[in-house]
Amino acid sequence: MLEINYYTKLLGVVGENIPYTLSPSIHNYVFQKLEINAVYLVFDIKKEKFHATFPGLLNISYGLNITIPYKEEALRFVRPEKEAEMIGAVNTIFEGKGYNTDYIALNTLIREKVDVNDIKVCTVFGAGGAARAVIYSLLNAGCEVFVINRSTERAERLREEVSQKGFSIKIAGECPKSDVVVNTTPDPNFVSDECVQGKLVIDFVYKPVKTSLIIRAEKRGINTINGIEILVEQALEADKIWFGKRLDRNEVMGYLYARQLVR
């Protein structure tokens, strides 16, 4: 553990009701391994105190991550980069600029698993904040995107938001024949068995890592991206923004497994 002193940089994650977050474990491990004099904390802020507290954190911190429920609200306080503005959410802040490393991570992971020239139809389950990043990543890969959500009204709002930015998605009741299937909801079983198909299945849930959806996909010989891969890759992209360097994803994942922080 590096000694905390006058020169130690302060970073952290801002959210509400996030005792489960793995971000401090990931980033403090990275700082230690790369010999970066920095410490990463959790700033759990109630909604009624966010507007009074957040500007102060921006002023005293070297860099921040933003998680639920503030990814959209934080846009008002920063100069968003192109992708973050397009998605309508930031999860990383540095020097007054807002970034979306979820989007960056998904672009990387999807291209590692499949040839994007071979994916034409993609189905996304869910219409919340996580869905936005993956939808734009899939659109960027040239995919025709269908969205399935329990609340049709929320899905329609998302479709309208995407349309206003010059893109098109479709709302579906049942999954079409798909090359990529993505679960962005907290429930992996929301994706029915007949929808587990194609070349790639992605599940944002990471507790457990081997969700029922990931297990079903692997049994069918389908490539997968699990929630911990997404979490770690987006965190390492944030480190790269803050300090210009990062660790290897597999090394960090190995650390989390060794510490039994994920299973």
C-alpha atoms as a PDB file:
ATOM      1  CA  MET A   1       0.000   0.000   0.000  1.00  0.00           C
ATOM      2  CA  LEU A   2       1.426   3.367  -0.991  1.00  0.00           C
ATOM      3  CA  GLU A   3       1.796   5.907   1.783  1.00  0.00           C
ATOM      4  CA  ILE A   4      -0.867   8.611   1.767  1.00  0.00           C
ATOM      5  CA  ASN A   5       0.789  12.000   1.928  1.00  0.00           C
ATOM      6  CA  TYR A   6       0.536  15.615   0.763  1.00  0.00           C
ATOM      7  CA  TYR A   7       0.879  14.558  -2.885  1.00  0.00           C
ATOM      8  CA  THR A   8      -1.710  11.764  -2.854  1.00  0.00           C
ATOM      9  CA  LYS A   9      -4.415  12.283  -5.480  1.00  0.00           C
ATOM     10  CA  LEU A  10      -8.063  11.783  -4.474  1.00  0.00           C
ATOM     11  CA  LEU A  11     -10.389   9.819  -6.736  1.00  0.00           C
ATOM     12  CA  GLY A  12     -13.648   7.993  -6.155  1.00  0.00           C
ATOM     13  CA  VAL A  13     -17.017   6.777  -7.336  1.00  0.00           C
ATOM     14  CA  VAL A  14     -20.184   8.840  -6.826  1.00  0.00           C
ATOM     15  CA  GLY A  15     -23.521   7.072  -6.475  1.00  0.00           C
ATOM     16  CA  GLU A  16     -26.324   6.271  -4.073  1.00  0.00           C
ATOM     17  CA  ASN A  17     -26.786   3.048  -2.075  1.00  0.00           C
ATOM     18  CA  ILE A  18     -23.664   1.416  -3.532  1.00  0.00           C
ATOM     19  CA  PRO A  19     -22.078  -0.600  -0.683  1.00  0.00           C
ATOM     20  CA  TYR A  20     -21.591  -3.458  -3.158  1.00  0.00           C
ATOM     21  CA  THR A  21     -19.302  -1.506  -5.505  1.00  0.00           C
ATOM     22  CA  LEU A  22     -16.031  -3.176  -6.534  1.00  0.00           C
ATOM     23  CA  SER A  23     -14.550   0.055  -7.890  1.00  0.00           C
ATOM     24  CA  PRO A  24     -12.286   0.796  -4.860  1.00  0.00           C
ATOM     25  CA  SER A  25     -10.886  -2.745  -4.969  1.00  0.00           C
ATOM     26  CA  ILE A  26     -10.142  -2.459  -8.686  1.00  0.00           C
ATOM     27  CA  HIS A  27      -8.654   1.033  -8.770  1.00  0.00           C
ATOM     28  CA  ASN A  28      -6.638   0.886  -5.556  1.00  0.00           C
ATOM     29  CA  TYR A  29      -5.094  -2.371  -6.786  1.00  0.00           C
ATOM     30  CA  VAL A  30      -4.212  -0.679 -10.093  1.00  0.00           C
ATOM     31  CA  PHE A  31      -2.707   2.339  -8.308  1.00  0.00           C
ATOM     32  CA  GLN A  32      -0.593   0.081  -6.119  1.00  0.00           C
ATOM     33  CA  LYS A  33       0.668  -2.039  -9.025  1.00  0.00           C
ATOM     34  CA  LEU A  34       1.461   0.986 -11.202  1.00  0.00           C
ATOM     35  CA  GLU A  35       2.941   2.902  -8.237  1.00  0.00           C
ATOM     36  CA  ILE A  36       0.515   5.782  -8.645  1.00  0.00           C
ATOM     37  CA  ASN A  37       0.256   7.985  -5.552  1.00  0.00           C
ATOM     38  CA  ALA A  38      -3.533   8.041  -5.381  1.00  0.00           C
ATOM     39  CA  VAL A  39      -6.409   6.730  -3.299  1.00  0.00           C
ATOM     40  CA  TYR A  40      -9.893   5.770  -4.495  1.00  0.00           C
ATOM     41  CA  LEU A  41     -12.931   6.113  -2.202  1.00  0.00           C
ATOM     42  CA  VAL A  42     -16.710   5.683  -2.319  1.00  0.00           C
ATOM     43  CA  PHE A  43     -18.885   8.803  -2.171  1.00  0.00           C
ATOM     44  CA  ASP A  44     -22.384   7.545  -1.389  1.00  0.00           C
ATOM     45  CA  ILE A  45     -24.606  10.624  -1.715  1.00  0.00           C
ATOM     46  CA  LYS A  46     -28.340  10.884  -1.117  1.00  0.00           C
ATOM     47  CA  LYS A  47     -30.340  12.452  -3.946  1.00  0.00           C
ATOM     48  CA  GLU A  48     -31.395  15.439  -1.855  1.00  0.00           C
ATOM     49  CA  LYS A  49     -27.733  16.271  -1.145  1.00  0.00           C
ATOM     50  CA  PHE A  50     -26.312  15.648  -4.619  1.00  0.00           C
ATOM     51  CA  HIS A  51     -26.528  19.201  -5.983  1.00  0.00           C
ATOM     52  CA  ALA A  52     -24.931  20.658  -2.850  1.00  0.00           C
ATOM     53  CA  THR A  53     -22.183  18.029  -2.573  1.00  0.00           C
ATOM     54  CA  PHE A  54     -21.191  17.158  -6.138  1.00  0.00           C
ATOM     55  CA  PRO A  55     -19.647  20.511  -7.171  1.00  0.00           C
ATOM     56  CA  GLY A  56     -17.333  20.328  -4.147  1.00  0.00           C
ATOM     57  CA  LEU A  57     -16.216  16.817  -5.085  1.00  0.00           C
ATOM     58  CA  LEU A  58     -15.461  18.014  -8.612  1.00  0.00           C
ATOM     59  CA  ASN A  59     -13.240  20.743  -7.173  1.00  0.00           C
ATOM     60  CA  ILE A  60     -11.222  18.658  -4.710  1.00  0.00           C
ATOM     61  CA  SER A  61     -10.895  15.369  -6.609  1.00  0.00           C
ATOM     62  CA  TYR A  62      -8.357  14.459  -9.270  1.00  0.00           C
ATOM     63  CA  GLY A  63     -10.896  12.276 -11.075  1.00  0.00           C
ATOM     64  CA  LEU A  64     -14.287  10.662 -10.506  1.00  0.00           C
ATOM     65  CA  ASN A  65     -16.432   7.771 -11.618  1.00  0.00           C
ATOM     66  CA  ILE A  66     -20.197   8.204 -11.693  1.00  0.00           C
ATOM     67  CA  THR A  67     -22.627   5.365 -11.180  1.00  0.00           C
ATOM     68  CA  ILE A  68     -26.345   4.937 -10.562  1.00  0.00           C
ATOM     69  CA  PRO A  69     -28.397   7.034 -10.270  1.00  0.00           C
ATOM     70  CA  TYR A  70     -26.275  10.043 -11.333  1.00  0.00           C
ATOM     71  CA  LYS A  71     -24.836   9.189 -14.773  1.00  0.00           C
ATOM     72  CA  GLU A  72     -27.358  11.398 -16.561  1.00  0.00           C
ATOM     73  CA  GLU A  73     -27.478  14.164 -13.922  1.00  0.00           C
ATOM     74  CA  ALA A  74     -23.687  14.558 -13.899  1.00  0.00           C
ATOM     75  CA  LEU A  75     -23.780  15.676 -17.548  1.00  0.00           C
ATOM     76  CA  ARG A  76     -24.938  19.104 -16.366  1.00  0.00           C
ATOM     77  CA  PHE A  77     -21.696  19.674 -14.457  1.00  0.00           C
ATOM     78  CA  VAL A  78     -19.125  18.735 -17.124  1.00  0.00           C
ATOM     79  CA  ARG A  79     -18.110  19.236 -20.740  1.00  0.00           C
ATOM     80  CA  PRO A  80     -19.107  15.878 -22.212  1.00  0.00           C
ATOM     81  CA  GLU A  81     -17.019  14.185 -24.850  1.00  0.00           C
ATOM     82  CA  LYS A  82     -18.807  13.301 -28.090  1.00  0.00           C
ATOM     83  CA  GLU A  83     -19.761   9.746 -27.079  1.00  0.00           C
ATOM     84  CA  ALA A  84     -20.962  10.730 -23.610  1.00  0.00           C
ATOM     85  CA  GLU A  85     -23.113  13.511 -25.049  1.00  0.00           C
ATOM     86  CA  MET A  86     -24.562  11.132 -27.642  1.00  0.00           C
ATOM     87  CA  ILE A  87     -25.388   8.498 -25.029  1.00  0.00           C
ATOM     88  CA  GLY A  88     -26.649  11.083 -22.541  1.00  0.00           C
ATOM     89  CA  ALA A  89     -24.618   9.744 -19.644  1.00  0.00           C
ATOM     90  CA  VAL A  90     -21.127  10.063 -18.145  1.00  0.00           C
ATOM     91  CA  ASN A  91     -19.356   7.583 -15.904  1.00  0.00           C
ATOM     92  CA  THR A  92     -15.860   9.106 -15.806  1.00  0.00           C
ATOM     93  CA  ILE A  93     -14.757  12.697 -15.157  1.00  0.00           C
ATOM     94  CA  PHE A  94     -11.315  14.247 -15.567  1.00  0.00           C
ATOM     95  CA  GLU A  95     -10.350  17.920 -15.743  1.00  0.00           C
ATOM     96  CA  GLY A  96     -13.955  19.015 -16.190  1.00  0.00           C
ATOM     97  CA  LYS A  97     -14.616  16.641 -19.083  1.00  0.00           C
ATOM     98  CA  GLY A  98     -17.148  13.811 -18.996  1.00  0.00           C
ATOM     99  CA  TYR A  99     -16.515  10.439 -20.625  1.00  0.00           C
ATOM    100  CA  ASN A 100     -18.459   7.204 -21.048  1.00  0.00           C
ATOM    101  CA  THR A 101     -16.032   4.328 -20.609  1.00  0.00           C
ATOM    102  CA  ASP A 102     -18.912   1.809 -20.668  1.00  0.00           C
ATOM    103  CA  TYR A 103     -19.193   2.629 -24.368  1.00  0.00           C
ATOM    104  CA  ILE A 104     -15.423   2.420 -24.891  1.00  0.00           C
ATOM    105  CA  ALA A 105     -15.222  -0.915 -23.049  1.00  0.00           C
ATOM    106  CA  LEU A 106     -18.103  -2.451 -24.992  1.00  0.00           C
ATOM    107  CA  ASN A 107     -16.559  -1.426 -28.302  1.00  0.00           C
ATOM    108  CA  THR A 108     -13.356  -3.204 -27.276  1.00  0.00           C
ATOM    109  CA  LEU A 109     -14.965  -6.343 -25.860  1.00  0.00           C
ATOM    110  CA  ILE A 110     -17.420  -6.886 -28.724  1.00  0.00           C
ATOM    111  CA  ARG A 111     -14.609  -6.660 -31.295  1.00  0.00           C
ATOM    112  CA  GLU A 112     -12.528  -9.137 -29.311  1.00  0.00           C
ATOM    113  CA  LYS A 113     -15.306 -11.724 -29.398  1.00  0.00           C
ATOM    114  CA  VAL A 114     -16.791 -11.380 -32.897  1.00  0.00           C
ATOM    115  CA  ASP A 115     -16.104  -9.915 -36.306  1.00  0.00           C
ATOM    116  CA  VAL A 116     -18.431  -6.892 -36.402  1.00  0.00           C
ATOM    117  CA  ASN A 117     -18.871  -7.418 -40.142  1.00  0.00           C
ATOM    118  CA  ASP A 118     -20.737 -10.619 -39.286  1.00  0.00           C
ATOM    119  CA  ILE A 119     -23.281  -9.110 -36.886  1.00  0.00           C
ATOM    120  CA  LYS A 120     -26.392  -7.674 -38.494  1.00  0.00           C
ATOM    121  CA  VAL A 121     -29.234  -7.987 -35.965  1.00  0.00           C
ATOM    122  CA  CYS A 122     -28.839  -7.306 -32.235  1.00  0.00           C
ATOM    123  CA  THR A 123     -31.413  -7.572 -29.457  1.00  0.00           C
ATOM    124  CA  VAL A 124     -31.053  -5.628 -26.212  1.00  0.00           C
ATOM    125  CA  PHE A 125     -33.121  -6.479 -23.132  1.00  0.00           C
ATOM    126  CA  GLY A 126     -33.751  -3.412 -20.973  1.00  0.00           C
ATOM    127  CA  ALA A 127     -34.081   0.318 -21.616  1.00  0.00           C
ATOM    128  CA  GLY A 128     -32.142   1.904 -18.747  1.00  0.00           C
ATOM    129  CA  GLY A 129     -28.751   3.584 -18.499  1.00  0.00           C
ATOM    130  CA  ALA A 130     -26.712   0.470 -19.292  1.00  0.00           C
ATOM    131  CA  ALA A 131     -28.831  -0.156 -22.373  1.00  0.00           C
ATOM    132  CA  ARG A 132     -27.933   3.236 -23.817  1.00  0.00           C
ATOM    133  CA  ALA A 133     -24.187   2.573 -23.918  1.00  0.00           C
ATOM    134  CA  VAL A 134     -24.547  -0.859 -25.481  1.00  0.00           C
ATOM    135  CA  ILE A 135     -27.144   0.310 -28.018  1.00  0.00           C
ATOM    136  CA  TYR A 136     -24.843   3.020 -29.360  1.00  0.00           C
ATOM    137  CA  SER A 137     -21.940   0.568 -29.382  1.00  0.00           C
ATOM    138  CA  LEU A 138     -23.982  -1.890 -31.440  1.00  0.00           C
ATOM    139  CA  LEU A 139     -25.226   0.849 -33.758  1.00  0.00           C
ATOM    140  CA  ASN A 140     -21.604   1.885 -34.217  1.00  0.00           C
ATOM    141  CA  ALA A 141     -20.837  -1.704 -35.239  1.00  0.00           C
ATOM    142  CA  GLY A 142     -23.517  -1.493 -37.957  1.00  0.00           C
ATOM    143  CA  CYS A 143     -26.142  -3.555 -36.156  1.00  0.00           C
ATOM    144  CA  GLU A 144     -29.907  -3.257 -36.550  1.00  0.00           C
ATOM    145  CA  VAL A 145     -30.970  -2.956 -32.916  1.00  0.00           C
ATOM    146  CA  PHE A 146     -34.181  -4.264 -31.347  1.00  0.00           C
ATOM    147  CA  VAL A 147     -35.103  -3.415 -27.737  1.00  0.00           C
ATOM    148  CA  ILE A 148     -37.253  -5.594 -25.485  1.00  0.00           C
ATOM    149  CA  ASN A 149     -38.380  -4.077 -22.182  1.00  0.00           C
ATOM    150  CA  ARG A 150     -41.049  -4.860 -19.627  1.00  0.00           C
ATOM    151  CA  SER A 151     -42.227  -1.242 -19.810  1.00  0.00           C
ATOM    152  CA  THR A 152     -43.092  -0.471 -23.423  1.00  0.00           C
ATOM    153  CA  GLU A 153     -43.503   3.191 -22.483  1.00  0.00           C
ATOM    154  CA  ARG A 154     -39.902   3.431 -21.268  1.00  0.00           C
ATOM    155  CA  ALA A 155     -38.671   1.645 -24.378  1.00  0.00           C
ATOM    156  CA  GLU A 156     -40.571   4.107 -26.568  1.00  0.00           C
ATOM    157  CA  ARG A 157     -38.978   7.032 -24.724  1.00  0.00           C
ATOM    158  CA  LEU A 158     -35.573   5.520 -25.409  1.00  0.00           C
ATOM    159  CA  ARG A 159     -36.442   5.002 -29.078  1.00  0.00           C
ATOM    160  CA  GLU A 160     -37.449   8.658 -29.331  1.00  0.00           C
ATOM    161  CA  GLU A 161     -34.217   9.826 -27.647  1.00  0.00           C
ATOM    162  CA  VAL A 162     -32.132   7.737 -30.040  1.00  0.00           C
ATOM    163  CA  SER A 163     -34.148   9.022 -32.995  1.00  0.00           C
ATOM    164  CA  GLN A 164     -33.510  12.640 -32.004  1.00  0.00           C
ATOM    165  CA  LYS A 165     -29.783  11.930 -32.288  1.00  0.00           C
ATOM    166  CA  GLY A 166     -30.110  10.625 -35.827  1.00  0.00           C
ATOM    167  CA  PHE A 167     -30.226   6.889 -35.129  1.00  0.00           C
ATOM    168  CA  SER A 168     -32.929   4.262 -35.302  1.00  0.00           C
ATOM    169  CA  ILE A 169     -33.864   1.350 -33.040  1.00  0.00           C
ATOM    170  CA  LYS A 170     -36.956  -0.856 -33.030  1.00  0.00           C
ATOM    171  CA  ILE A 171     -39.139  -1.971 -30.134  1.00  0.00           C
ATOM    172  CA  ALA A 172     -39.965  -5.676 -30.106  1.00  0.00           C
ATOM    173  CA  GLY A 173     -42.279  -7.894 -28.099  1.00  0.00           C
ATOM    174  CA  GLU A 174     -40.453 -11.079 -29.027  1.00  0.00           C
ATOM    175  CA  CYS A 175     -36.817 -11.499 -29.987  1.00  0.00           C
ATOM    176  CA  PRO A 176     -36.044 -11.674 -33.692  1.00  0.00           C
ATOM    177  CA  LYS A 177     -33.349 -13.991 -35.038  1.00  0.00           C
ATOM    178  CA  SER A 178     -30.278 -12.235 -33.625  1.00  0.00           C
ATOM    179  CA  ASP A 179     -26.509 -12.310 -33.953  1.00  0.00           C
ATOM    180  CA  VAL A 180     -25.973 -10.555 -30.604  1.00  0.00           C
ATOM    181  CA  VAL A 181     -28.201 -10.772 -27.513  1.00  0.00           C
ATOM    182  CA  VAL A 182     -27.619  -8.429 -24.568  1.00  0.00           C
ATOM    183  CA  ASN A 183     -29.142  -8.392 -21.085  1.00  0.00           C
ATOM    184  CA  THR A 184     -28.874  -5.010 -19.365  1.00  0.00           C
ATOM    185  CA  THR A 185     -31.549  -5.767 -16.729  1.00  0.00           C
ATOM    186  CA  PRO A 186     -30.855  -7.108 -13.200  1.00  0.00           C
ATOM    187  CA  ASP A 187     -32.581 -10.399 -14.158  1.00  0.00           C
ATOM    188  CA  PRO A 188     -30.700 -12.771 -16.508  1.00  0.00           C
ATOM    189  CA  ASN A 189     -33.816 -14.939 -16.728  1.00  0.00           C
ATOM    190  CA  PHE A 190     -35.653 -12.082 -18.456  1.00  0.00           C
ATOM    191  CA  VAL A 191     -33.961 -13.449 -21.587  1.00  0.00           C
ATOM    192  CA  SER A 192     -36.011 -16.527 -22.510  1.00  0.00           C
ATOM    193  CA  ASP A 193     -34.390 -19.730 -23.769  1.00  0.00           C
ATOM    194  CA  GLU A 194     -35.483 -19.177 -27.359  1.00  0.00           C
ATOM    195  CA  CYS A 195     -33.676 -15.824 -27.336  1.00  0.00           C
ATOM    196  CA  VAL A 196     -30.311 -17.359 -26.354  1.00  0.00           C
ATOM    197  CA  GLN A 197     -28.945 -17.514 -29.863  1.00  0.00           C
ATOM    198  CA  GLY A 198     -26.502 -16.052 -32.375  1.00  0.00           C
ATOM    199  CA  LYS A 199     -22.768 -15.382 -32.208  1.00  0.00           C
ATOM    200  CA  LEU A 200     -22.500 -13.441 -28.933  1.00  0.00           C
ATOM    201  CA  VAL A 201     -24.409 -13.140 -25.646  1.00  0.00           C
ATOM    202  CA  ILE A 202     -23.654 -10.292 -23.218  1.00  0.00           C
ATOM    203  CA  ASP A 203     -24.871 -10.087 -19.617  1.00  0.00           C
ATOM    204  CA  PHE A 204     -24.212  -6.964 -17.510  1.00  0.00           C
ATOM    205  CA  VAL A 205     -24.950  -8.831 -14.249  1.00  0.00           C
ATOM    206  CA  TYR A 206     -21.718  -9.803 -12.446  1.00  0.00           C
ATOM    207  CA  LYS A 207     -22.932 -11.356  -9.201  1.00  0.00           C
ATOM    208  CA  PRO A 208     -22.614 -14.223  -9.885  1.00  0.00           C
ATOM    209  CA  VAL A 209     -20.272 -13.974 -12.863  1.00  0.00           C
ATOM    210  CA  LYS A 210     -21.705 -17.160 -14.336  1.00  0.00           C
ATOM    211  CA  THR A 211     -25.316 -16.045 -14.540  1.00  0.00           C
ATOM    212  CA  SER A 212     -28.046 -18.331 -15.801  1.00  0.00           C
ATOM    213  CA  LEU A 213     -27.873 -16.506 -19.134  1.00  0.00           C
ATOM    214  CA  ILE A 214     -24.091 -16.936 -19.489  1.00  0.00           C
ATOM    215  CA  ILE A 215     -24.410 -20.641 -18.581  1.00  0.00           C
ATOM    216  CA  ARG A 216     -27.163 -21.196 -21.163  1.00  0.00           C
ATOM    217  CA  ALA A 217     -25.137 -19.443 -23.858  1.00  0.00           C
ATOM    218  CA  GLU A 218     -21.960 -21.391 -23.101  1.00  0.00           C
ATOM    219  CA  LYS A 219     -23.861 -24.682 -23.244  1.00  0.00           C
ATOM    220  CA  ARG A 220     -24.908 -23.744 -26.791  1.00  0.00           C
ATOM    221  CA  GLY A 221     -21.366 -22.864 -27.802  1.00  0.00           C
ATOM    222  CA  ILE A 222     -22.070 -19.128 -28.056  1.00  0.00           C
ATOM    223  CA  ASN A 223     -19.348 -16.570 -27.282  1.00  0.00           C
ATOM    224  CA  THR A 224     -20.070 -14.547 -24.140  1.00  0.00           C
ATOM    225  CA  ILE A 225     -19.134 -11.297 -22.404  1.00  0.00           C
ATOM    226  CA  ASN A 226     -19.905 -11.366 -18.682  1.00  0.00           C
ATOM    227  CA  GLY A 227     -20.561  -8.484 -16.332  1.00  0.00           C
ATOM    228  CA  ILE A 228     -17.177  -8.559 -14.620  1.00  0.00           C
ATOM    229  CA  GLU A 229     -15.385  -8.222 -17.968  1.00  0.00           C
ATOM    230  CA  ILE A 230     -17.427  -5.081 -18.682  1.00  0.00           C
ATOM    231  CA  LEU A 231     -16.889  -3.685 -15.175  1.00  0.00           C
ATOM    232  CA  VAL A 232     -13.127  -4.193 -15.207  1.00  0.00           C
ATOM    233  CA  GLU A 233     -12.567  -2.993 -18.781  1.00  0.00           C
ATOM    234  CA  GLN A 234     -14.516   0.242 -18.253  1.00  0.00           C
ATOM    235  CA  ALA A 235     -12.586   0.824 -14.992  1.00  0.00           C
ATOM    236  CA  LEU A 236      -9.225   0.342 -16.733  1.00  0.00           C
ATOM    237  CA  GLU A 237     -10.258   2.743 -19.487  1.00  0.00           C
ATOM    238  CA  ALA A 238     -10.962   5.302 -16.747  1.00  0.00           C
ATOM    239  CA  ASP A 239      -7.443   4.740 -15.347  1.00  0.00           C
ATOM    240  CA  LYS A 240      -6.074   5.379 -18.828  1.00  0.00           C
ATOM    241  CA  ILE A 241      -7.962   8.684 -19.016  1.00  0.00           C
ATOM    242  CA  TRP A 242      -6.723   9.779 -15.580  1.00  0.00           C
ATOM    243  CA  PHE A 243      -3.112   8.613 -15.730  1.00  0.00           C
ATOM    244  CA  GLY A 244      -2.359   7.594 -19.313  1.00  0.00           C
ATOM    245  CA  LYS A 245      -1.748   3.956 -18.377  1.00  0.00           C
ATOM    246  CA  ARG A 246      -3.618   0.857 -17.246  1.00  0.00           C
ATOM    247  CA  LEU A 247      -3.178  -2.758 -16.241  1.00  0.00           C
ATOM    248  CA  ASP A 248      -4.111  -5.838 -18.245  1.00  0.00           C
ATOM    249  CA  ARG A 249      -7.744  -6.831 -17.787  1.00  0.00           C
ATOM    250  CA  ASN A 250      -6.944 -10.474 -17.028  1.00  0.00           C
ATOM    251  CA  GLU A 251      -4.530  -9.477 -14.262  1.00  0.00           C
ATOM    252  CA  VAL A 252      -7.199  -7.395 -12.510  1.00  0.00           C
ATOM    253  CA  MET A 253      -9.843 -10.085 -12.936  1.00  0.00           C
ATOM    254  CA  GLY A 254      -7.406 -12.627 -11.504  1.00  0.00           C
ATOM    255  CA  TYR A 255      -6.913 -10.383  -8.475  1.00  0.00           C
ATOM    256  CA  LEU A 256     -10.681 -10.101  -7.899  1.00  0.00           C
ATOM    257  CA  TYR A 257     -11.090 -13.893  -8.101  1.00  0.00           C
ATOM    258  CA  ALA A 258      -8.098 -14.488  -5.821  1.00  0.00           C
ATOM    259  CA  ARG A 259      -9.560 -12.141  -3.208  1.00  0.00           C
ATOM    260  CA  GLN A 260     -12.937 -13.878  -3.664  1.00  0.00           C
ATOM    261  CA  LEU A 261     -14.523 -10.515  -4.442  1.00  0.00           C
ATOM    262  CA  VAL A 262     -16.274 -12.170  -7.381  1.00  0.00           C
ATOM    263  CA  ARG A 263     -17.248 -15.780  -7.919  1.00  0.00           C
END
